[in-house]
């Protein structure tokens, strides 16, 4: 089965990442049972089901004042852009992060990521008004443009979690133009 990524521009890259994640896993084991989440499941922070386990797939992120893509840092989301519970507080059991330039997936249990967040962020910490990775690293950050609340962490902190795993994206999949971000020509 192939998923259709002809959705809104906002979701196109996300659907493409979900398909790349699915195909990467099927290369490791072609017998895996993988299915996309329903719309109701997506609202609960689930993108795909692998062997009955719910997973949220995250694509590359622009981080810092220069608004550049980065494979060293990522964001942990406690509130989404509407001010509702972010993906750290939703129902996925695992979060799969795409590291674009390293061509791999970092997969970590959501509860271990939440524990990492809570170990780094004291609830009394003031919110930072900026979005520079150097200034929001291990700090609570609220975006100026919406109600999203995040902190920036290093991928090495995530890969150091007890049950985190890194899976390489097969080269032919990584080089396939259908898995390139639609706006790359603008980058």
Protein backbone atom coordinates (compact mmCIF):
# COMPACT_ATOMS: atom_id res chain seq x y z
CA UNK A 1 0.00 0.00 0.00
CA UNK A 2 1.24 3.48 -0.79
CA UNK A 3 -0.03 6.58 0.95
CA UNK A 4 -1.20 9.60 -0.96
CA UNK A 5 0.67 12.75 -0.01
CA UNK A 6 -1.54 15.01 -2.11
CA UNK A 7 -2.93 16.91 0.90
CA UNK A 8 -2.58 20.50 2.05
CA UNK A 9 0.90 22.01 1.62
CA UNK A 10 1.31 22.02 5.41
CA UNK A 11 0.84 18.25 5.56
CA UNK A 12 2.56 17.22 2.31
CA UNK A 13 6.02 16.89 3.82
CA UNK A 14 4.63 15.06 6.86
CA UNK A 15 2.86 12.48 4.71
CA UNK A 16 6.02 12.06 2.62
CA UNK A 17 8.06 11.45 5.81
CA UNK A 18 5.52 8.89 6.99
CA UNK A 19 5.82 7.02 3.69
CA UNK A 20 9.63 7.15 3.86
CA UNK A 21 9.50 5.82 7.42
CA UNK A 22 7.19 3.00 6.32
CA UNK A 23 9.42 2.05 3.39
CA UNK A 24 12.55 2.21 5.57
CA UNK A 25 11.01 -0.22 8.06
CA UNK A 26 9.78 -2.54 5.31
CA UNK A 27 13.35 -2.79 4.01
CA UNK A 28 14.38 -4.07 7.44
CA UNK A 29 11.48 -6.52 7.58
CA UNK A 30 9.08 -6.82 4.63
CA UNK A 31 6.59 -8.72 6.82
CA UNK A 32 5.91 -5.85 9.21
CA UNK A 33 2.27 -4.85 9.64
CA UNK A 34 2.28 -1.06 9.04
CA UNK A 35 -0.79 1.08 8.53
CA UNK A 36 -1.48 4.83 8.49
CA UNK A 37 -3.44 6.38 11.33
CA UNK A 38 -7.03 7.45 10.93
CA UNK A 39 -7.90 11.14 11.24
CA UNK A 40 -9.14 10.56 14.80
CA UNK A 41 -5.84 8.81 15.66
CA UNK A 42 -3.85 11.65 14.10
CA UNK A 43 -5.57 14.06 16.49
CA UNK A 44 -4.21 11.87 19.29
CA UNK A 45 -0.63 12.30 18.00
CA UNK A 46 -0.37 9.05 16.04
CA UNK A 47 0.84 8.96 12.42
CA UNK A 48 1.44 5.25 11.81
CA UNK A 49 0.94 1.89 13.49
CA UNK A 50 3.78 -0.65 13.33
CA UNK A 51 2.89 -4.12 14.58
CA UNK A 52 0.06 -2.47 16.57
CA UNK A 53 2.38 0.13 18.17
CA UNK A 54 1.43 3.81 17.64
CA UNK A 55 4.23 6.06 16.32
CA UNK A 56 4.40 9.80 15.64
CA UNK A 57 6.72 10.66 12.72
CA UNK A 58 8.61 13.98 12.79
CA UNK A 59 10.32 15.51 9.76
CA UNK A 60 13.20 17.94 9.62
CA UNK A 61 12.81 21.17 11.56
CA UNK A 62 14.02 24.71 11.05
CA UNK A 63 15.73 25.79 14.26
CA UNK A 64 17.36 28.98 15.43
CA UNK A 65 17.34 32.61 14.43
CA UNK A 66 18.79 31.74 11.03
CA UNK A 67 15.79 29.42 10.43
CA UNK A 68 18.04 26.66 9.13
CA UNK A 69 17.48 22.92 9.05
CA UNK A 70 19.53 21.14 11.67
CA UNK A 71 20.45 17.52 12.42
CA UNK A 72 22.12 18.34 15.75
CA UNK A 73 19.08 19.78 17.54
CA UNK A 74 15.35 19.20 17.64
CA UNK A 75 12.37 20.44 19.60
CA UNK A 76 10.28 18.69 22.23
CA UNK A 77 6.69 19.99 22.10
CA UNK A 78 4.67 20.32 25.30
CA UNK A 79 1.91 22.49 23.74
CA UNK A 80 0.90 22.58 20.09
CA UNK A 81 0.36 25.74 18.03
CA UNK A 82 -3.25 25.99 19.29
CA UNK A 83 -2.19 25.71 22.95
CA UNK A 84 -3.44 22.11 23.31
CA UNK A 85 -1.33 19.23 24.62
CA UNK A 86 1.72 18.78 22.38
CA UNK A 87 2.97 15.46 21.08
CA UNK A 88 4.94 14.77 24.27
CA UNK A 89 1.59 14.44 26.06
CA UNK A 90 -0.36 12.56 23.40
CA UNK A 91 -0.86 8.83 22.69
CA UNK A 92 2.02 7.70 20.46
CA UNK A 93 4.30 5.17 22.17
CA UNK A 94 7.30 6.18 20.03
CA UNK A 95 8.47 9.31 18.23
CA UNK A 96 10.49 8.86 15.02
CA UNK A 97 12.61 11.90 14.09
CA UNK A 98 14.01 12.21 10.56
CA UNK A 99 17.55 13.52 10.51
CA UNK A 100 17.70 14.81 6.98
CA UNK A 101 21.42 15.37 6.42
CA UNK A 102 22.46 12.19 8.28
CA UNK A 103 19.83 10.17 6.37
CA UNK A 104 18.50 8.29 9.37
CA UNK A 105 15.65 7.99 11.83
CA UNK A 106 16.05 8.48 15.55
CA UNK A 107 13.29 6.53 17.29
CA UNK A 108 12.64 7.02 21.00
CA UNK A 109 9.86 6.12 23.43
CA UNK A 110 7.62 9.14 23.99
CA UNK A 111 7.60 8.59 27.77
CA UNK A 112 11.42 8.64 27.85
CA UNK A 113 11.34 11.91 25.90
CA UNK A 114 8.81 13.33 28.37
CA UNK A 115 11.05 12.25 31.25
CA UNK A 116 14.01 13.95 29.49
CA UNK A 117 11.94 17.13 29.09
CA UNK A 118 10.97 17.09 32.77
CA UNK A 119 14.57 16.47 33.85
CA UNK A 120 15.74 19.49 31.84
CA UNK A 121 12.92 21.94 32.44
CA UNK A 122 11.89 23.19 35.84
CA UNK A 123 8.23 24.28 35.72
CA UNK A 124 9.23 27.54 37.44
CA UNK A 125 11.60 28.37 34.58
CA UNK A 126 10.61 31.53 32.73
CA UNK A 127 9.60 31.29 29.09
CA UNK A 128 12.18 32.58 26.61
CA UNK A 129 10.78 34.95 23.96
CA UNK A 130 13.23 33.90 21.25
CA UNK A 131 13.77 30.90 19.06
CA UNK A 132 17.54 30.75 18.82
CA UNK A 133 18.69 27.18 19.47
CA UNK A 134 21.51 28.52 21.64
CA UNK A 135 19.10 30.51 23.80
CA UNK A 136 16.18 28.05 23.90
CA UNK A 137 18.37 24.99 24.50
CA UNK A 138 17.05 23.37 27.69
CA UNK A 139 14.74 26.33 28.26
CA UNK A 140 11.00 26.70 27.93
CA UNK A 141 10.22 28.55 24.73
CA UNK A 142 6.90 29.98 23.60
CA UNK A 143 6.70 30.96 19.95
CA UNK A 144 5.72 34.55 19.25
CA UNK A 145 3.41 33.63 16.36
CA UNK A 146 1.24 31.02 18.11
CA UNK A 147 0.69 29.15 21.39
CA UNK A 148 3.28 26.40 20.83
CA UNK A 149 5.53 25.65 23.82
CA UNK A 150 8.77 23.75 23.18
CA UNK A 151 12.33 23.27 24.30
CA UNK A 152 15.38 22.56 22.15
CA UNK A 153 17.49 19.47 22.85
CA UNK A 154 20.48 17.84 21.18
CA UNK A 155 19.88 14.64 19.26
CA UNK A 156 22.73 13.07 21.24
CA UNK A 157 20.56 13.46 24.34
CA UNK A 158 17.78 11.54 22.59
CA UNK A 159 20.06 8.85 21.18
CA UNK A 160 21.46 8.42 24.70
CA UNK A 161 18.07 7.41 26.09
CA UNK A 162 17.93 3.75 27.21
CA UNK A 163 15.51 2.55 24.50
CA UNK A 164 16.30 4.95 21.65
CA UNK A 165 17.42 3.51 18.32
CA UNK A 166 18.89 4.91 15.11
CA UNK A 167 17.90 3.37 11.79
CA UNK A 168 19.64 4.36 8.56
CA UNK A 169 17.49 5.31 5.59
CA UNK A 170 18.47 3.13 2.61
CA UNK A 171 20.46 5.19 0.13
CA UNK A 172 18.15 4.55 -2.83
CA UNK A 173 15.17 5.76 -0.80
CA UNK A 174 17.06 8.77 0.48
CA UNK A 175 18.14 9.71 -3.07
CA UNK A 176 14.64 9.23 -4.51
CA UNK A 177 13.18 12.62 -5.54
CA UNK A 178 9.76 11.72 -4.16
CA UNK A 179 11.29 11.90 -0.66
CA UNK A 180 12.73 15.38 -1.10
CA UNK A 181 10.90 18.19 0.62
CA UNK A 182 8.65 20.10 -1.76
CA UNK A 183 10.11 23.48 -0.78
CA UNK A 184 13.78 22.48 -1.07
CA UNK A 185 14.25 24.60 -4.14
CA UNK A 186 13.40 27.60 -1.92
CA UNK A 187 15.93 26.66 0.79
